[in-house]
C-alpha atoms as a PDB file:
ATOM      1  CA  MET A   1      -1.328  45.786   2.020  1.00  0.00           C
ATOM      2  CA  SER A   2       0.088  42.745   3.795  1.00  0.00           C
ATOM      3  CA  PHE A   3       3.575  43.715   2.590  1.00  0.00           C
ATOM      4  CA  LEU A   4       3.321  47.060   4.394  1.00  0.00           C
ATOM      5  CA  ASP A   5       1.638  45.498   7.419  1.00  0.00           C
ATOM      6  CA  GLY A   6       4.512  43.050   7.822  1.00  0.00           C
ATOM      7  CA  LEU A   7       7.124  45.776   7.621  1.00  0.00           C
ATOM      8  CA  LEU A   8       5.354  48.090  10.027  1.00  0.00           C
ATOM      9  CA  GLY A   9       4.157  45.565  12.565  1.00  0.00           C
ATOM     10  CA  GLY A  10       5.481  45.749  16.104  1.00  0.00           C
ATOM     11  CA  GLN A  11       7.419  48.962  15.683  1.00  0.00           C
ATOM     12  CA  GLY A  12       5.935  50.730  18.719  1.00  0.00           C
ATOM     13  CA  GLN A  13       5.611  54.490  18.771  1.00  0.00           C
ATOM     14  CA  GLN A  14       8.712  55.342  16.759  1.00  0.00           C
ATOM     15  CA  ALA A  15       9.312  54.668  13.108  1.00  0.00           C
ATOM     16  CA  GLY A  16      12.341  52.378  13.174  1.00  0.00           C
ATOM     17  CA  ALA A  17      14.946  52.012  10.446  1.00  0.00           C
ATOM     18  CA  GLY A  18      13.279  48.952   8.915  1.00  0.00           C
ATOM     19  CA  SER A  19       9.909  50.700   8.930  1.00  0.00           C
ATOM     20  CA  LEU A  20      11.276  53.754   7.176  1.00  0.00           C
ATOM     21  CA  ILE A  21      12.995  51.656   4.528  1.00  0.00           C
ATOM     22  CA  GLY A  22       9.739  49.733   4.104  1.00  0.00           C
ATOM     23  CA  VAL A  23       7.710  52.922   3.643  1.00  0.00           C
ATOM     24  CA  ALA A  24      10.303  54.262   1.178  1.00  0.00           C
ATOM     25  CA  GLY A  25      10.086  50.963  -0.703  1.00  0.00           C
ATOM     26  CA  GLN A  26       6.305  51.127  -0.733  1.00  0.00           C
ATOM     27  CA  LEU A  27       6.427  54.681  -2.120  1.00  0.00           C
ATOM     28  CA  ILE A  28       8.786  53.536  -4.861  1.00  0.00           C
ATOM     29  CA  GLN A  29       6.544  50.565  -5.693  1.00  0.00           C
ATOM     30  CA  GLN A  30       3.354  52.628  -5.751  1.00  0.00           C
ATOM     31  CA  ALA A  31       4.996  55.259  -7.981  1.00  0.00           C
ATOM     32  CA  GLY A  32       5.949  52.608 -10.533  1.00  0.00           C
ATOM     33  CA  GLY A  33       9.557  52.033  -9.569  1.00  0.00           C
ATOM     34  CA  VAL A  34      12.519  54.359  -9.239  1.00  0.00           C
ATOM     35  CA  GLN A  35      11.806  55.958 -12.604  1.00  0.00           C
ATOM     36  CA  GLY A  36       8.170  56.618 -11.690  1.00  0.00           C
ATOM     37  CA  LEU A  37       9.052  58.115  -8.307  1.00  0.00           C
ATOM     38  CA  THR A  38      11.827  60.327  -9.622  1.00  0.00           C
ATOM     39  CA  ASN A  39       9.639  61.548 -12.508  1.00  0.00           C
ATOM     40  CA  MET A  40       6.749  62.304 -10.157  1.00  0.00           C
ATOM     41  CA  LEU A  41       8.937  64.176  -7.651  1.00  0.00           C
ATOM     42  CA  GLN A  42      10.572  66.146 -10.468  1.00  0.00           C
ATOM     43  CA  GLN A  43       7.166  67.133 -11.855  1.00  0.00           C
ATOM     44  CA  HIS A  44       6.091  68.382  -8.436  1.00  0.00           C
ATOM     45  CA  GLY A  45       8.925  70.734  -7.602  1.00  0.00           C
ATOM     46  CA  LEU A  46      11.843  68.581  -6.448  1.00  0.00           C
ATOM     47  CA  GLY A  47      13.706  68.321  -9.752  1.00  0.00           C
ATOM     48  CA  ASP A  48      17.105  69.625  -8.628  1.00  0.00           C
ATOM     49  CA  ALA A  49      17.046  67.600  -5.428  1.00  0.00           C
ATOM     50  CA  VAL A  50      16.035  64.382  -7.207  1.00  0.00           C
ATOM     51  CA  GLN A  51      18.783  64.850  -9.798  1.00  0.00           C
ATOM     52  CA  SER A  52      21.304  65.119  -6.953  1.00  0.00           C
ATOM     53  CA  TRP A  53      19.996  61.866  -5.430  1.00  0.00           C
ATOM     54  CA  VAL A  54      20.446  60.045  -8.736  1.00  0.00           C
ATOM     55  CA  GLY A  55      23.787  61.644  -9.584  1.00  0.00           C
ATOM     56  CA  SER A  56      27.129  60.773  -8.076  1.00  0.00           C
ATOM     57  CA  GLY A  57      27.551  63.931  -5.972  1.00  0.00           C
ATOM     58  CA  ALA A  58      26.142  64.841  -2.580  1.00  0.00           C
ATOM     59  CA  ASN A  59      22.411  64.414  -2.047  1.00  0.00           C
ATOM     60  CA  GLN A  60      20.524  67.707  -1.836  1.00  0.00           C
ATOM     61  CA  ALA A  61      18.316  67.836   1.249  1.00  0.00           C
ATOM     62  CA  VAL A  62      14.570  68.355   1.126  1.00  0.00           C
ATOM     63  CA  SER A  63      12.291  69.169   4.032  1.00  0.00           C
ATOM     64  CA  GLY A  64       9.464  66.968   5.183  1.00  0.00           C
ATOM     65  CA  ASP A  65       7.062  69.697   4.040  1.00  0.00           C
ATOM     66  CA  GLN A  66       8.566  69.777   0.537  1.00  0.00           C
ATOM     67  CA  LEU A  67       8.438  65.991   0.270  1.00  0.00           C
ATOM     68  CA  GLY A  68       4.901  65.872   1.632  1.00  0.00           C
ATOM     69  CA  GLN A  69       3.681  68.464  -0.879  1.00  0.00           C
ATOM     70  CA  ALA A  70       5.290  66.613  -3.793  1.00  0.00           C
ATOM     71  CA  LEU A  71       3.910  63.232  -2.680  1.00  0.00           C
ATOM     72  CA  GLN A  72       0.440  64.687  -2.101  1.00  0.00           C
ATOM     73  CA  ASN A  73       0.423  66.344  -5.529  1.00  0.00           C
ATOM     74  CA  GLY A  74       1.711  63.117  -7.065  1.00  0.00           C
ATOM     75  CA  GLY A  75      -1.109  61.054  -5.568  1.00  0.00           C
ATOM     76  CA  LEU A  76       0.878  59.286  -2.828  1.00  0.00           C
ATOM     77  CA  GLY A  77      -0.253  61.347   0.164  1.00  0.00           C
ATOM     78  CA  SER A  78      -2.704  58.671   1.284  1.00  0.00           C
ATOM     79  CA  LEU A  79       0.107  56.119   1.489  1.00  0.00           C
ATOM     80  CA  VAL A  80       2.011  58.409   3.885  1.00  0.00           C
ATOM     81  CA  GLN A  81      -1.140  58.942   5.972  1.00  0.00           C
ATOM     82  CA  GLU A  82      -1.779  55.194   6.165  1.00  0.00           C
ATOM     83  CA  ALA A  83       1.832  54.378   7.055  1.00  0.00           C
ATOM     84  CA  ALA A  84       1.881  57.071   9.759  1.00  0.00           C
ATOM     85  CA  GLY A  85      -1.303  55.622  11.241  1.00  0.00           C
ATOM     86  CA  LYS A  86       0.146  52.115  11.293  1.00  0.00           C
ATOM     87  CA  LEU A  87       3.328  53.396  12.946  1.00  0.00           C
ATOM     88  CA  GLY A  88       1.436  55.521  15.433  1.00  0.00           C
ATOM     89  CA  VAL A  89       3.298  58.689  14.459  1.00  0.00           C
ATOM     90  CA  ASP A  90       2.202  62.056  13.130  1.00  0.00           C
ATOM     91  CA  PRO A  91       2.313  62.186   9.303  1.00  0.00           C
ATOM     92  CA  ASN A  92       4.544  65.264   9.473  1.00  0.00           C
ATOM     93  CA  GLN A  93       6.996  63.372  11.696  1.00  0.00           C
ATOM     94  CA  LEU A  94       7.028  60.477   9.222  1.00  0.00           C
ATOM     95  CA  LEU A  95       7.584  62.885   6.315  1.00  0.00           C
ATOM     96  CA  GLY A  96      10.492  64.448   8.194  1.00  0.00           C
ATOM     97  CA  GLN A  97      12.066  61.025   8.637  1.00  0.00           C
ATOM     98  CA  LEU A  98      11.314  60.009   5.041  1.00  0.00           C
ATOM     99  CA  SER A  99      12.941  63.207   3.790  1.00  0.00           C
ATOM    100  CA  GLN A 100      16.149  61.870   5.354  1.00  0.00           C
ATOM    101  CA  VAL A 101      15.777  58.280   4.088  1.00  0.00           C
ATOM    102  CA  LEU A 102      14.300  58.648   0.596  1.00  0.00           C
ATOM    103  CA  PRO A 103      17.310  60.477  -0.896  1.00  0.00           C
ATOM    104  CA  HIS A 104      19.558  57.642   0.302  1.00  0.00           C
ATOM    105  CA  ALA A 105      17.142  55.021  -1.045  1.00  0.00           C
ATOM    106  CA  VAL A 106      17.087  56.621  -4.501  1.00  0.00           C
ATOM    107  CA  ASP A 107      20.864  57.076  -4.386  1.00  0.00           C
ATOM    108  CA  HIS A 108      21.268  53.416  -3.375  1.00  0.00           C
ATOM    109  CA  LEU A 109      19.035  52.259  -6.244  1.00  0.00           C
ATOM    110  CA  THR A 110      20.884  54.346  -8.848  1.00  0.00           C
ATOM    111  CA  PRO A 111      24.537  53.414  -8.204  1.00  0.00           C
ATOM    112  CA  ASP A 112      25.658  54.310 -11.720  1.00  0.00           C
ATOM    113  CA  GLY A 113      23.988  57.720 -11.656  1.00  0.00           C
ATOM    114  CA  GLN A 114      21.233  56.484 -13.969  1.00  0.00           C
ATOM    115  CA  VAL A 115      17.591  55.784 -13.213  1.00  0.00           C
ATOM    116  CA  PRO A 116      16.699  52.249 -14.355  1.00  0.00           C
ATOM    117  CA  ALA A 117      14.295  52.320 -17.287  1.00  0.00           C
ATOM    118  CA  ALA A 118      10.713  51.308 -16.603  1.00  0.00           C
ATOM    119  CA  GLY A 119      10.371  47.544 -16.842  1.00  0.00           C
ATOM    120  CA  GLN A 120      14.132  46.993 -16.683  1.00  0.00           C
ATOM    121  CA  GLY A 121      14.796  44.033 -14.439  1.00  0.00           C
ATOM    122  CA  GLY A 122      11.102  43.227 -14.029  1.00  0.00           C
ATOM    123  CA  GLY A 123      10.245  46.236 -11.872  1.00  0.00           C
ATOM    124  CA  PHE A 124      11.204  47.357  -8.411  1.00  0.00           C
ATOM    125  CA  ASP A 125      12.409  44.724  -5.973  1.00  0.00           C
ATOM    126  CA  LEU A 126      12.360  45.608  -2.278  1.00  0.00           C
ATOM    127  CA  GLY A 127      15.361  43.328  -1.859  1.00  0.00           C
ATOM    128  CA  ALA A 128      17.355  46.021  -3.627  1.00  0.00           C
ATOM    129  CA  LEU A 129      17.012  48.099  -0.456  1.00  0.00           C
ATOM    130  CA  GLU A 130      18.302  45.353   1.840  1.00  0.00           C
ATOM    131  CA  GLY A 131      21.271  46.540   3.795  1.00  0.00           C
ATOM    132  CA  LEU A 132      20.352  50.211   3.439  1.00  0.00           C
ATOM    133  CA  ALA A 133      18.915  50.370   6.958  1.00  0.00           C
ATOM    134  CA  GLY A 134      22.211  49.127   8.394  1.00  0.00           C
ATOM    135  CA  LYS A 135      24.139  51.524   6.225  1.00  0.00           C
ATOM    136  CA  LEU A 136      22.029  54.481   7.316  1.00  0.00           C
ATOM    137  CA  PHE A 137      21.325  53.654  10.932  1.00  0.00           C
ATOM    138  CA  GLY A 138      23.747  50.961  12.013  1.00  0.00           C
ATOM    139  CA  GLN A 139      27.034  52.686  11.351  1.00  0.00           C
ATOM    140  CA  THR A 140      28.474  55.907  12.622  1.00  0.00           C
ATOM    141  CA  ALA A 141      30.127  58.242  10.188  1.00  0.00           C
END
C-alpha cells in the first residue's frame, strides 16, 4: 500500500484535498477501474446517482451513509477503514467527505458521458485525476 501511504502521509488530523482524491483513486483502482466502481455502486443501491455522475447533467448527491453501505456491500469497506485510520479521522467523517468527492471524480473520468470499457487504455491511471483537487477545492464557484 505504498501508493496510499504516500498520498496520505503528513496530512494531520483532517483529510485534505489531495488525500481525498487519493482515497477516491484507490477505491477506483481496487474496484477495477471506473467501470468496476460504477457497476459495483449500481449493484448496491446507487444506480440512479451513479448514472448522474457519468452523464452530462448535474451529479445526484449521495450521503456518506449511502456510500458507506454500498462500498461495504461491494467489498471495499476495509479500504475506507484503513484510509480513515491513516488520516486519523472517523470512517464516517471520511465517507461524508468521499460522498462529496467521488461523484466529481467519476464525472471527471467520464467526460463524454460514457464509462470507459474495462481494459481500455490499460486500466485506471491516477494521473487522470490530477487537477481535480484544484478544481474542487482551489477555486470558488
